[in-house]
Amino acid sequence: MDAETHLLHIVELLNWRADQLEGSLSELKRDLNASGTDSEVVSTISKSRKHVEVLRMDIEKELEPEAEMSLKMAHHITNKIIQDAVDRLADKVRSQYPQLELAATMLRLFFEGPEGDIKRKELETRLKAEMGLDNFGYNDDKLEFEEIVEEYEKEAEQLALSFAMEDAKKMVDACFGVQAEK
């Protein structure tokens, strides 16, 4: 299971467990009624079933929407980090190597437009594979949010550069491959 759907999976699991508990309580209530058990004991089971219903409603009304919102926020943050990393990388190339203005422009253009959308999605997929979206929620290292974002930014910058270099190499290879055939 990928990290980004983990929280939604937990919500589904909680819902399933609540269903199982309610089913068990219903069965127990039927058995107790059939055996002629004291009605006060049976009513305690009914109260427990109501608690399960409240739990299920809390899951559906609060946890599920929060899990979905967290996932959307993580996607948004990841997209913003990628965009900022690409811009920063192009600015860094432009400022440190003015003679490479064309390379900086090409780098920025590489991630813009309709083709750029596809490339950013591929970069996002790679970034998620490397870092995982769950780092924006629970983290074992007890890092601050800003530290997690910094790690994402560094990784996004490295991946953007290697991604652009891989694609540029493919284009050059394809170009020379075509020339060699002529």
N, C-alpha and C. Protein backbone atom coordinates (compact mmCIF):
# COMPACT_ATOMS: atom_id res chain seq x y z
N MET A 1 0.85 -1.17 0.00
CA MET A 1 0.00 0.00 0.00
C MET A 1 0.89 1.23 0.00
N ASP A 2 0.54 2.22 -0.84
CA ASP A 2 1.38 3.41 -0.87
C ASP A 2 1.03 4.32 0.31
N ALA A 3 1.99 5.13 0.66
CA ALA A 3 1.89 5.95 1.87
C ALA A 3 0.73 6.93 1.81
N GLU A 4 0.44 7.45 0.62
CA GLU A 4 -0.58 8.48 0.55
C GLU A 4 -1.98 7.96 0.84
N THR A 5 -2.25 6.68 0.65
CA THR A 5 -3.58 6.15 0.93
C THR A 5 -3.65 5.47 2.29
N HIS A 6 -2.55 5.48 3.02
CA HIS A 6 -2.49 4.81 4.31
C HIS A 6 -3.53 5.35 5.29
N LEU A 7 -3.65 6.65 5.40
CA LEU A 7 -4.59 7.26 6.32
C LEU A 7 -6.03 6.90 5.94
N LEU A 8 -6.34 6.95 4.66
CA LEU A 8 -7.69 6.57 4.22
C LEU A 8 -7.95 5.09 4.51
N HIS A 9 -6.92 4.27 4.38
CA HIS A 9 -7.06 2.85 4.69
C HIS A 9 -7.36 2.65 6.17
N ILE A 10 -6.72 3.41 7.03
CA ILE A 10 -6.97 3.31 8.47
C ILE A 10 -8.42 3.68 8.77
N VAL A 11 -8.93 4.72 8.12
CA VAL A 11 -10.32 5.13 8.33
C VAL A 11 -11.26 4.01 7.90
N GLU A 12 -10.99 3.41 6.74
CA GLU A 12 -11.81 2.28 6.28
C GLU A 12 -11.74 1.12 7.26
N LEU A 13 -10.56 0.85 7.77
CA LEU A 13 -10.38 -0.24 8.73
C LEU A 13 -11.17 0.03 10.01
N LEU A 14 -11.14 1.26 10.50
CA LEU A 14 -11.93 1.61 11.68
C LEU A 14 -13.42 1.41 11.43
N ASN A 15 -13.87 1.80 10.26
CA ASN A 15 -15.28 1.60 9.89
C ASN A 15 -15.62 0.11 9.88
N TRP A 16 -14.75 -0.68 9.28
CA TRP A 16 -14.97 -2.13 9.21
C TRP A 16 -15.01 -2.73 10.61
N ARG A 17 -14.08 -2.31 11.47
CA ARG A 17 -14.05 -2.82 12.86
C ARG A 17 -15.33 -2.43 13.60
N ALA A 18 -15.82 -1.22 13.37
CA ALA A 18 -17.07 -0.80 14.00
C ALA A 18 -18.22 -1.68 13.52
N ASP A 19 -18.24 -2.01 12.23
CA ASP A 19 -19.27 -2.92 11.70
C ASP A 19 -19.18 -4.29 12.36
N GLN A 20 -17.95 -4.79 12.49
CA GLN A 20 -17.76 -6.10 13.13
C GLN A 20 -18.24 -6.09 14.58
N LEU A 21 -17.90 -5.04 15.29
CA LEU A 21 -18.31 -4.92 16.69
C LEU A 21 -19.83 -4.84 16.80
N GLU A 22 -20.44 -4.05 15.94
CA GLU A 22 -21.90 -3.95 15.97
C GLU A 22 -22.55 -5.28 15.65
N GLY A 23 -22.00 -6.00 14.69
CA GLY A 23 -22.54 -7.33 14.36
C GLY A 23 -22.42 -8.28 15.54
N SER A 24 -21.29 -8.27 16.20
CA SER A 24 -21.09 -9.14 17.37
C SER A 24 -22.05 -8.78 18.49
N LEU A 25 -22.24 -7.49 18.72
CA LEU A 25 -23.17 -7.06 19.77
C LEU A 25 -24.61 -7.44 19.43
N SER A 26 -24.97 -7.33 18.17
CA SER A 26 -26.33 -7.73 17.74
C SER A 26 -26.55 -9.21 17.97
N GLU A 27 -25.55 -10.00 17.59
CA GLU A 27 -25.64 -11.45 17.78
C GLU A 27 -25.74 -11.80 19.26
N LEU A 28 -24.94 -11.14 20.08
CA LEU A 28 -24.98 -11.37 21.52
C LEU A 28 -26.34 -11.00 22.09
N LYS A 29 -26.90 -9.89 21.63
CA LYS A 29 -28.22 -9.46 22.11
C LYS A 29 -29.28 -10.49 21.75
N ARG A 30 -29.23 -11.00 20.52
CA ARG A 30 -30.20 -12.04 20.09
C ARG A 30 -30.07 -13.28 20.96
N ASP A 31 -28.82 -13.70 21.18
CA ASP A 31 -28.59 -14.90 22.00
C ASP A 31 -29.09 -14.70 23.43
N LEU A 32 -28.83 -13.52 23.98
CA LEU A 32 -29.28 -13.25 25.35
C LEU A 32 -30.80 -13.18 25.44
N ASN A 33 -31.43 -12.57 24.44
CA ASN A 33 -32.89 -12.54 24.41
C ASN A 33 -33.46 -13.95 24.31
N ALA A 34 -32.85 -14.76 23.45
CA ALA A 34 -33.33 -16.14 23.26
C ALA A 34 -33.16 -16.97 24.52
N SER A 35 -32.14 -16.69 25.29
CA SER A 35 -31.90 -17.49 26.50
C SER A 35 -32.67 -16.96 27.71
N GLY A 36 -33.40 -15.86 27.52
CA GLY A 36 -34.21 -15.33 28.62
C GLY A 36 -33.41 -14.56 29.64
N THR A 37 -32.28 -13.99 29.25
CA THR A 37 -31.44 -13.22 30.16
C THR A 37 -32.17 -11.96 30.60
N ASP A 38 -31.79 -11.49 31.77
CA ASP A 38 -32.37 -10.28 32.36
C ASP A 38 -32.35 -9.13 31.34
N SER A 39 -33.45 -8.40 31.25
CA SER A 39 -33.59 -7.32 30.27
C SER A 39 -32.60 -6.18 30.51
N GLU A 40 -32.15 -6.00 31.74
CA GLU A 40 -31.17 -4.95 32.03
C GLU A 40 -29.83 -5.26 31.36
N VAL A 41 -29.44 -6.52 31.34
CA VAL A 41 -28.21 -6.94 30.66
C VAL A 41 -28.35 -6.69 29.16
N VAL A 42 -29.51 -7.05 28.63
CA VAL A 42 -29.76 -6.86 27.20
C VAL A 42 -29.75 -5.36 26.85
N SER A 43 -30.30 -4.52 27.73
CA SER A 43 -30.31 -3.08 27.45
C SER A 43 -28.90 -2.49 27.48
N THR A 44 -28.01 -3.07 28.28
CA THR A 44 -26.61 -2.63 28.30
C THR A 44 -25.97 -2.87 26.94
N ILE A 45 -26.32 -3.98 26.33
CA ILE A 45 -25.80 -4.29 24.99
C ILE A 45 -26.33 -3.27 23.99
N SER A 46 -27.59 -2.89 24.12
CA SER A 46 -28.17 -1.88 23.22
C SER A 46 -27.43 -0.55 23.36
N LYS A 47 -27.07 -0.19 24.59
CA LYS A 47 -26.31 1.04 24.81
C LYS A 47 -24.94 0.95 24.13
N SER A 48 -24.32 -0.21 24.22
CA SER A 48 -23.02 -0.41 23.57
C SER A 48 -23.15 -0.27 22.06
N ARG A 49 -24.24 -0.79 21.50
CA ARG A 49 -24.46 -0.66 20.05
C ARG A 49 -24.61 0.80 19.67
N LYS A 50 -25.26 1.58 20.53
CA LYS A 50 -25.42 3.02 20.25
C LYS A 50 -24.05 3.71 20.26
N HIS A 51 -23.17 3.29 21.16
CA HIS A 51 -21.81 3.85 21.20
C HIS A 51 -21.07 3.54 19.90
N VAL A 52 -21.27 2.35 19.39
CA VAL A 52 -20.65 1.97 18.12
C VAL A 52 -21.20 2.83 16.99
N GLU A 53 -22.50 3.10 17.00
CA GLU A 53 -23.10 3.97 15.98
C GLU A 53 -22.50 5.37 16.04
N VAL A 54 -22.33 5.89 17.25
CA VAL A 54 -21.72 7.22 17.42
C VAL A 54 -20.29 7.19 16.88
N LEU A 55 -19.57 6.13 17.17
CA LEU A 55 -18.20 5.98 16.66
C LEU A 55 -18.20 5.99 15.14
N ARG A 56 -19.10 5.24 14.53
CA ARG A 56 -19.17 5.18 13.07
C ARG A 56 -19.49 6.56 12.49
N MET A 57 -20.41 7.27 13.11
CA MET A 57 -20.76 8.61 12.62
C MET A 57 -19.57 9.56 12.76
N ASP A 58 -18.83 9.45 13.86
CA ASP A 58 -17.63 10.27 14.04
C ASP A 58 -16.60 9.97 12.95
N ILE A 59 -16.44 8.70 12.65
CA ILE A 59 -15.50 8.30 11.59
C ILE A 59 -15.91 8.92 10.27
N GLU A 60 -17.19 8.77 9.92
CA GLU A 60 -17.67 9.26 8.62
C GLU A 60 -17.69 10.78 8.53
N LYS A 61 -18.05 11.44 9.63
CA LYS A 61 -18.20 12.90 9.57
C LYS A 61 -16.91 13.65 9.85
N GLU A 62 -16.00 13.04 10.61
CA GLU A 62 -14.79 13.78 10.99
C GLU A 62 -13.50 13.17 10.45
N LEU A 63 -13.27 11.90 10.73
CA LEU A 63 -11.99 11.29 10.34
C LEU A 63 -11.84 11.18 8.83
N GLU A 64 -12.87 10.68 8.15
CA GLU A 64 -12.76 10.49 6.71
C GLU A 64 -12.51 11.81 5.98
N PRO A 65 -13.30 12.87 6.25
CA PRO A 65 -13.00 14.15 5.58
C PRO A 65 -11.62 14.70 5.94
N GLU A 66 -11.21 14.53 7.20
CA GLU A 66 -9.88 15.01 7.59
C GLU A 66 -8.78 14.25 6.85
N ALA A 67 -8.95 12.95 6.70
CA ALA A 67 -7.96 12.16 5.97
C ALA A 67 -7.88 12.61 4.52
N GLU A 68 -9.03 12.84 3.91
CA GLU A 68 -9.04 13.30 2.52
C GLU A 68 -8.43 14.69 2.39
N MET A 69 -8.73 15.57 3.35
CA MET A 69 -8.16 16.92 3.33
C MET A 69 -6.65 16.87 3.52
N SER A 70 -6.18 16.02 4.41
CA SER A 70 -4.73 15.88 4.62
C SER A 70 -4.04 15.42 3.35
N LEU A 71 -4.67 14.51 2.64
CA LEU A 71 -4.11 14.02 1.39
C LEU A 71 -4.05 15.14 0.35
N LYS A 72 -5.12 15.92 0.25
CA LYS A 72 -5.13 17.04 -0.69
C LYS A 72 -4.06 18.08 -0.33
N MET A 73 -3.93 18.35 0.97
CA MET A 73 -2.92 19.32 1.41
C MET A 73 -1.52 18.82 1.08
N ALA A 74 -1.27 17.54 1.30
CA ALA A 74 0.05 16.97 1.00
C ALA A 74 0.34 17.07 -0.50
N HIS A 75 -0.67 16.80 -1.34
CA HIS A 75 -0.48 16.94 -2.79
C HIS A 75 -0.16 18.40 -3.15
N HIS A 76 -0.90 19.31 -2.57
CA HIS A 76 -0.69 20.73 -2.86
C HIS A 76 0.72 21.17 -2.44
N ILE A 77 1.10 20.77 -1.25
CA ILE A 77 2.44 21.13 -0.75
C ILE A 77 3.52 20.53 -1.65
N THR A 78 3.34 19.27 -2.04
CA THR A 78 4.31 18.63 -2.92
C THR A 78 4.42 19.37 -4.25
N ASN A 79 3.28 19.73 -4.84
CA ASN A 79 3.30 20.46 -6.10
C ASN A 79 4.00 21.81 -5.95
N LYS A 80 3.73 22.50 -4.86
CA LYS A 80 4.36 23.80 -4.62
C LYS A 80 5.87 23.64 -4.43
N ILE A 81 6.26 22.62 -3.70
CA ILE A 81 7.69 22.36 -3.49
C ILE A 81 8.38 22.09 -4.82
N ILE A 82 7.76 21.30 -5.68
CA ILE A 82 8.34 21.00 -6.99
C ILE A 82 8.48 22.28 -7.81
N GLN A 83 7.43 23.08 -7.84
CA GLN A 83 7.46 24.33 -8.61
C GLN A 83 8.57 25.25 -8.09
N ASP A 84 8.63 25.41 -6.77
CA ASP A 84 9.67 26.26 -6.18
C ASP A 84 11.07 25.71 -6.43
N ALA A 85 11.22 24.40 -6.35
CA ALA A 85 12.54 23.78 -6.57
C ALA A 85 13.02 24.01 -7.99
N VAL A 86 12.12 23.86 -8.95
CA VAL A 86 12.49 24.08 -10.36
C VAL A 86 12.86 25.54 -10.57
N ASP A 87 12.07 26.46 -10.03
CA ASP A 87 12.38 27.89 -10.17
C ASP A 87 13.71 28.24 -9.51
N ARG A 88 13.93 27.71 -8.30
CA ARG A 88 15.17 27.97 -7.58
C ARG A 88 16.38 27.43 -8.35
N LEU A 89 16.21 26.24 -8.91
CA LEU A 89 17.29 25.62 -9.67
C LEU A 89 17.64 26.47 -10.90
N ALA A 90 16.62 26.92 -11.61
CA ALA A 90 16.85 27.76 -12.79
C ALA A 90 17.51 29.08 -12.38
N ASP A 91 17.04 29.68 -11.28
CA ASP A 91 17.64 30.93 -10.80
C ASP A 91 19.09 30.72 -10.38
N LYS A 92 19.36 29.59 -9.75
CA LYS A 92 20.73 29.28 -9.30
C LYS A 92 21.66 29.15 -10.51
N VAL A 93 21.19 28.44 -11.53
CA VAL A 93 22.01 28.29 -12.75
C VAL A 93 22.23 29.66 -13.38
N ARG A 94 21.17 30.45 -13.46
CA ARG A 94 21.25 31.77 -14.10
C ARG A 94 22.20 32.70 -13.33
N SER A 95 22.14 32.69 -12.00
CA SER A 95 22.97 33.62 -11.21
C SER A 95 24.43 33.17 -11.10
N GLN A 96 24.67 31.88 -10.99
CA GLN A 96 26.03 31.39 -10.82
C GLN A 96 26.77 31.23 -12.14
N TYR A 97 26.02 30.99 -13.18
CA TYR A 97 26.63 30.77 -14.49
C TYR A 97 25.88 31.58 -15.54
N PRO A 98 26.11 32.91 -15.59
CA PRO A 98 25.36 33.75 -16.53
C PRO A 98 25.48 33.28 -17.98
N GLN A 99 26.58 32.64 -18.31
CA GLN A 99 26.76 32.16 -19.68
C GLN A 99 25.80 31.00 -19.98
N LEU A 100 25.19 30.44 -18.94
CA LEU A 100 24.26 29.33 -19.14
C LEU A 100 22.81 29.78 -19.06
N GLU A 101 22.56 31.03 -19.45
CA GLU A 101 21.19 31.58 -19.44
C GLU A 101 20.24 30.68 -20.23
N LEU A 102 20.70 30.18 -21.36
CA LEU A 102 19.86 29.30 -22.18
C LEU A 102 19.52 28.02 -21.42
N ALA A 103 20.49 27.46 -20.72
CA ALA A 103 20.24 26.24 -19.94
C ALA A 103 19.21 26.50 -18.84
N ALA A 104 19.31 27.65 -18.18
CA ALA A 104 18.36 27.99 -17.12
C ALA A 104 16.96 28.15 -17.70
N THR A 105 16.87 28.82 -18.84
CA THR A 105 15.57 29.00 -19.49
C THR A 105 15.00 27.66 -19.93
N MET A 106 15.85 26.81 -20.48
CA MET A 106 15.38 25.48 -20.92
C MET A 106 14.91 24.65 -19.73
N LEU A 107 15.62 24.76 -18.61
CA LEU A 107 15.24 24.03 -17.41
C LEU A 107 13.85 24.45 -16.95
N ARG A 108 13.63 25.76 -16.92
CA ARG A 108 12.32 26.27 -16.51
C ARG A 108 11.25 25.83 -17.51
N LEU A 109 11.53 25.95 -18.80
CA LEU A 109 10.56 25.56 -19.82
C LEU A 109 10.27 24.06 -19.81
N PHE A 110 11.26 23.29 -19.39
CA PHE A 110 11.12 21.84 -19.32
C PHE A 110 9.92 21.44 -18.46
N PHE A 111 9.64 22.24 -17.42
CA PHE A 111 8.56 21.92 -16.49
C PHE A 111 7.33 22.81 -16.68
N GLU A 112 7.24 23.54 -17.81
CA GLU A 112 6.09 24.40 -18.06
C GLU A 112 5.26 23.87 -19.21
N GLY A 113 4.04 24.39 -19.33
CA GLY A 113 3.14 24.02 -20.41
C GLY A 113 2.56 22.63 -20.23
N PRO A 114 1.82 22.16 -21.25
CA PRO A 114 1.17 20.84 -21.17
C PRO A 114 2.17 19.70 -20.97
N GLU A 115 3.28 19.76 -21.69
CA GLU A 115 4.32 18.73 -21.51
C GLU A 115 4.93 18.84 -20.12
N GLY A 116 5.07 20.07 -19.65
CA GLY A 116 5.61 20.30 -18.31
C GLY A 116 4.72 19.74 -17.22
N ASP A 117 3.39 19.80 -17.44
CA ASP A 117 2.46 19.21 -16.47
C ASP A 117 2.72 17.73 -16.32
N ILE A 118 2.94 17.07 -17.44
CA ILE A 118 3.22 15.63 -17.41
C ILE A 118 4.54 15.38 -16.68
N LYS A 119 5.53 16.20 -17.00
CA LYS A 119 6.85 16.03 -16.36
C LYS A 119 6.79 16.32 -14.87
N ARG A 120 6.00 17.34 -14.48
CA ARG A 120 5.85 17.63 -13.04
C ARG A 120 5.15 16.48 -12.33
N LYS A 121 4.15 15.88 -12.99
CA LYS A 121 3.46 14.72 -12.39
C LYS A 121 4.44 13.56 -12.22
N GLU A 122 5.28 13.32 -13.23
CA GLU A 122 6.28 12.27 -13.13
C GLU A 122 7.28 12.58 -12.00
N LEU A 123 7.66 13.85 -11.91
CA LEU A 123 8.57 14.26 -10.84
C LEU A 123 7.90 14.08 -9.48
N GLU A 124 6.61 14.43 -9.40
CA GLU A 124 5.87 14.25 -8.14
C GLU A 124 5.83 12.77 -7.76
N THR A 125 5.61 11.90 -8.74
CA THR A 125 5.58 10.47 -8.48
C THR A 125 6.93 10.00 -7.94
N ARG A 126 8.01 10.47 -8.56
CA ARG A 126 9.35 10.11 -8.08
C ARG A 126 9.60 10.63 -6.67
N LEU A 127 9.17 11.88 -6.43
CA LEU A 127 9.38 12.49 -5.12
C LEU A 127 8.62 11.71 -4.05
N LYS A 128 7.39 11.33 -4.36
CA LYS A 128 6.60 10.55 -3.40
C LYS A 128 7.24 9.19 -3.16
N ALA A 129 7.78 8.60 -4.21
CA ALA A 129 8.44 7.30 -4.05
C ALA A 129 9.67 7.43 -3.15
N GLU A 130 10.40 8.53 -3.32
CA GLU A 130 11.61 8.75 -2.52
C GLU A 130 11.28 9.14 -1.08
N MET A 131 10.32 10.05 -0.93
CA MET A 131 10.07 10.67 0.38
C MET A 131 8.77 10.20 1.04
N GLY A 132 7.76 9.90 0.24
CA GLY A 132 6.47 9.51 0.79
C GLY A 132 5.68 10.70 1.29
N LEU A 133 4.39 10.71 1.02
CA LEU A 133 3.54 11.80 1.49
C LEU A 133 3.28 11.72 2.98
N ASP A 134 3.43 10.54 3.56
CA ASP A 134 3.13 10.41 4.98
C ASP A 134 4.07 11.22 5.85
N ASN A 135 5.18 11.68 5.28
CA ASN A 135 6.10 12.52 6.06
C ASN A 135 5.46 13.84 6.48
N PHE A 136 4.40 14.25 5.78
CA PHE A 136 3.73 15.49 6.17
C PHE A 136 2.79 15.28 7.35
N GLY A 137 2.52 14.04 7.69
CA GLY A 137 1.66 13.75 8.83
C GLY A 137 2.51 13.21 9.95
N TYR A 138 2.34 11.95 10.25
CA TYR A 138 3.09 11.29 11.32
C TYR A 138 4.52 11.06 10.86
N ASN A 139 5.48 11.33 11.73
CA ASN A 139 6.86 11.01 11.39
C ASN A 139 7.58 10.50 12.62
N ASP A 140 8.32 9.42 12.44
CA ASP A 140 9.04 8.77 13.54
C ASP A 140 10.17 9.62 14.09
N ASP A 141 10.74 10.46 13.25
CA ASP A 141 11.91 11.24 13.66
C ASP A 141 11.53 12.47 14.48
N LYS A 142 10.25 12.73 14.62
CA LYS A 142 9.74 13.90 15.36
C LYS A 142 10.32 15.20 14.82
N LEU A 143 10.44 15.26 13.50
CA LEU A 143 10.94 16.47 12.86
C LEU A 143 9.85 17.53 12.86
N GLU A 144 10.26 18.77 12.88
CA GLU A 144 9.32 19.87 12.75
C GLU A 144 8.86 19.93 11.30
N PHE A 145 7.69 20.51 11.08
CA PHE A 145 7.13 20.61 9.74
C PHE A 145 8.11 21.29 8.79
N GLU A 146 8.73 22.37 9.26
CA GLU A 146 9.67 23.11 8.41
C GLU A 146 10.85 22.24 7.98
N GLU A 147 11.31 21.37 8.88
CA GLU A 147 12.42 20.47 8.56
C GLU A 147 12.00 19.46 7.50
N ILE A 148 10.78 18.98 7.60
CA ILE A 148 10.27 18.04 6.60
C ILE A 148 10.17 18.72 5.25
N VAL A 149 9.66 19.95 5.23
CA VAL A 149 9.55 20.70 3.97
C VAL A 149 10.94 20.93 3.39
N GLU A 150 11.93 21.27 4.23
CA GLU A 150 13.31 21.45 3.75
C GLU A 150 13.83 20.18 3.09
N GLU A 151 13.59 19.03 3.73
CA GLU A 151 14.03 17.76 3.14
C GLU A 151 13.36 17.54 1.79
N TYR A 152 12.07 17.82 1.71
CA TYR A 152 11.35 17.69 0.45
C TYR A 152 11.93 18.62 -0.61
N GLU A 153 12.23 19.87 -0.21
CA GLU A 153 12.77 20.84 -1.16
C GLU A 153 14.11 20.38 -1.72
N LYS A 154 14.99 19.91 -0.85
CA LYS A 154 16.30 19.42 -1.30
C LYS A 154 16.13 18.24 -2.25
N GLU A 155 15.30 17.30 -1.87
CA GLU A 155 15.09 16.12 -2.71
C GLU A 155 14.43 16.50 -4.04
N ALA A 156 13.47 17.43 -3.99
CA ALA A 156 12.80 17.87 -5.22
C ALA A 156 13.79 18.53 -6.17
N GLU A 157 14.68 19.34 -5.63
CA GLU A 157 15.68 20.01 -6.46
C GLU A 157 16.61 18.99 -7.12
N GLN A 158 17.09 18.03 -6.34
CA GLN A 158 17.97 16.99 -6.89
C GLN A 158 17.24 16.16 -7.95
N LEU A 159 16.01 15.78 -7.64
CA LEU A 159 15.25 14.97 -8.60
C LEU A 159 14.93 15.75 -9.86
N ALA A 160 14.59 17.04 -9.71
CA ALA A 160 14.28 17.87 -10.88
C ALA A 160 15.49 17.97 -11.80
N LEU A 161 16.66 18.17 -11.20
CA LEU A 161 17.89 18.28 -11.99
C LEU A 161 18.19 16.96 -12.69
N SER A 162 18.15 15.86 -11.95
CA SER A 162 18.46 14.57 -12.58
C SER A 162 17.41 14.20 -13.62
N PHE A 163 16.15 14.54 -13.34
CA PHE A 163 15.07 14.26 -14.27
C PHE A 163 15.28 15.02 -15.58
N ALA A 164 15.61 16.31 -15.48
CA ALA A 164 15.85 17.13 -16.67
C ALA A 164 17.08 16.63 -17.42
N MET A 165 18.12 16.24 -16.69
CA MET A 165 19.34 15.73 -17.33
C MET A 165 19.07 14.41 -18.06
N GLU A 166 18.29 13.53 -17.45
CA GLU A 166 17.95 12.26 -18.10
C GLU A 166 17.20 12.52 -19.40
N ASP A 167 16.22 13.44 -19.33
CA ASP A 167 15.42 13.73 -20.51
C ASP A 167 16.26 14.40 -21.60
N ALA A 168 17.15 15.31 -21.19
CA ALA A 168 18.02 15.97 -22.16
C ALA A 168 18.94 14.95 -22.83
N LYS A 169 19.46 14.02 -22.05
CA LYS A 169 20.32 12.97 -22.61
C LYS A 169 19.55 12.13 -23.62
N LYS A 170 18.30 11.79 -23.30
CA LYS A 170 17.48 11.02 -24.23
C LYS A 170 17.28 11.79 -25.54
N MET A 171 17.04 13.12 -25.41
CA MET A 171 16.84 13.93 -26.61
C MET A 171 18.10 13.97 -27.46
N VAL A 172 19.26 14.16 -26.81
CA VAL A 172 20.53 14.21 -27.54
C VAL A 172 20.81 12.86 -28.19
N ASP A 173 20.61 11.78 -27.44
CA ASP A 173 20.81 10.44 -28.00
C ASP A 173 19.90 10.20 -29.19
N ALA A 174 18.65 10.62 -29.06
CA ALA A 174 17.70 10.44 -30.16
C ALA A 174 18.13 11.27 -31.37
N CYS A 175 18.63 12.47 -31.11
CA CYS A 175 19.06 13.35 -32.18
C CYS A 175 20.26 12.75 -32.92
N PHE A 176 21.26 12.28 -32.16
CA PHE A 176 22.43 11.68 -32.79
C PHE A 176 22.09 10.35 -33.42
N GLY A 177 21.16 9.63 -32.85
CA GLY A 177 20.73 8.36 -33.43
C GLY A 177 20.11 8.58 -34.80
N VAL A 178 19.32 9.65 -34.91
CA VAL A 178 18.69 9.99 -36.19
C VAL A 178 19.76 10.41 -37.18
N GLN A 179 20.75 11.22 -36.74
CA GLN A 179 21.81 11.68 -37.63
C GLN A 179 22.68 10.51 -38.10
N ALA A 180 22.93 9.55 -37.22
CA ALA A 180 23.79 8.42 -37.58
C ALA A 180 23.15 7.57 -38.66
N GLU A 181 21.81 7.52 -38.68
CA GLU A 181 21.12 6.71 -39.68
C GLU A 181 21.16 7.35 -41.05
N LYS A 182 21.32 8.69 -41.15
CA LYS A 182 21.29 9.40 -42.44
C LYS A 182 22.50 9.19 -43.23
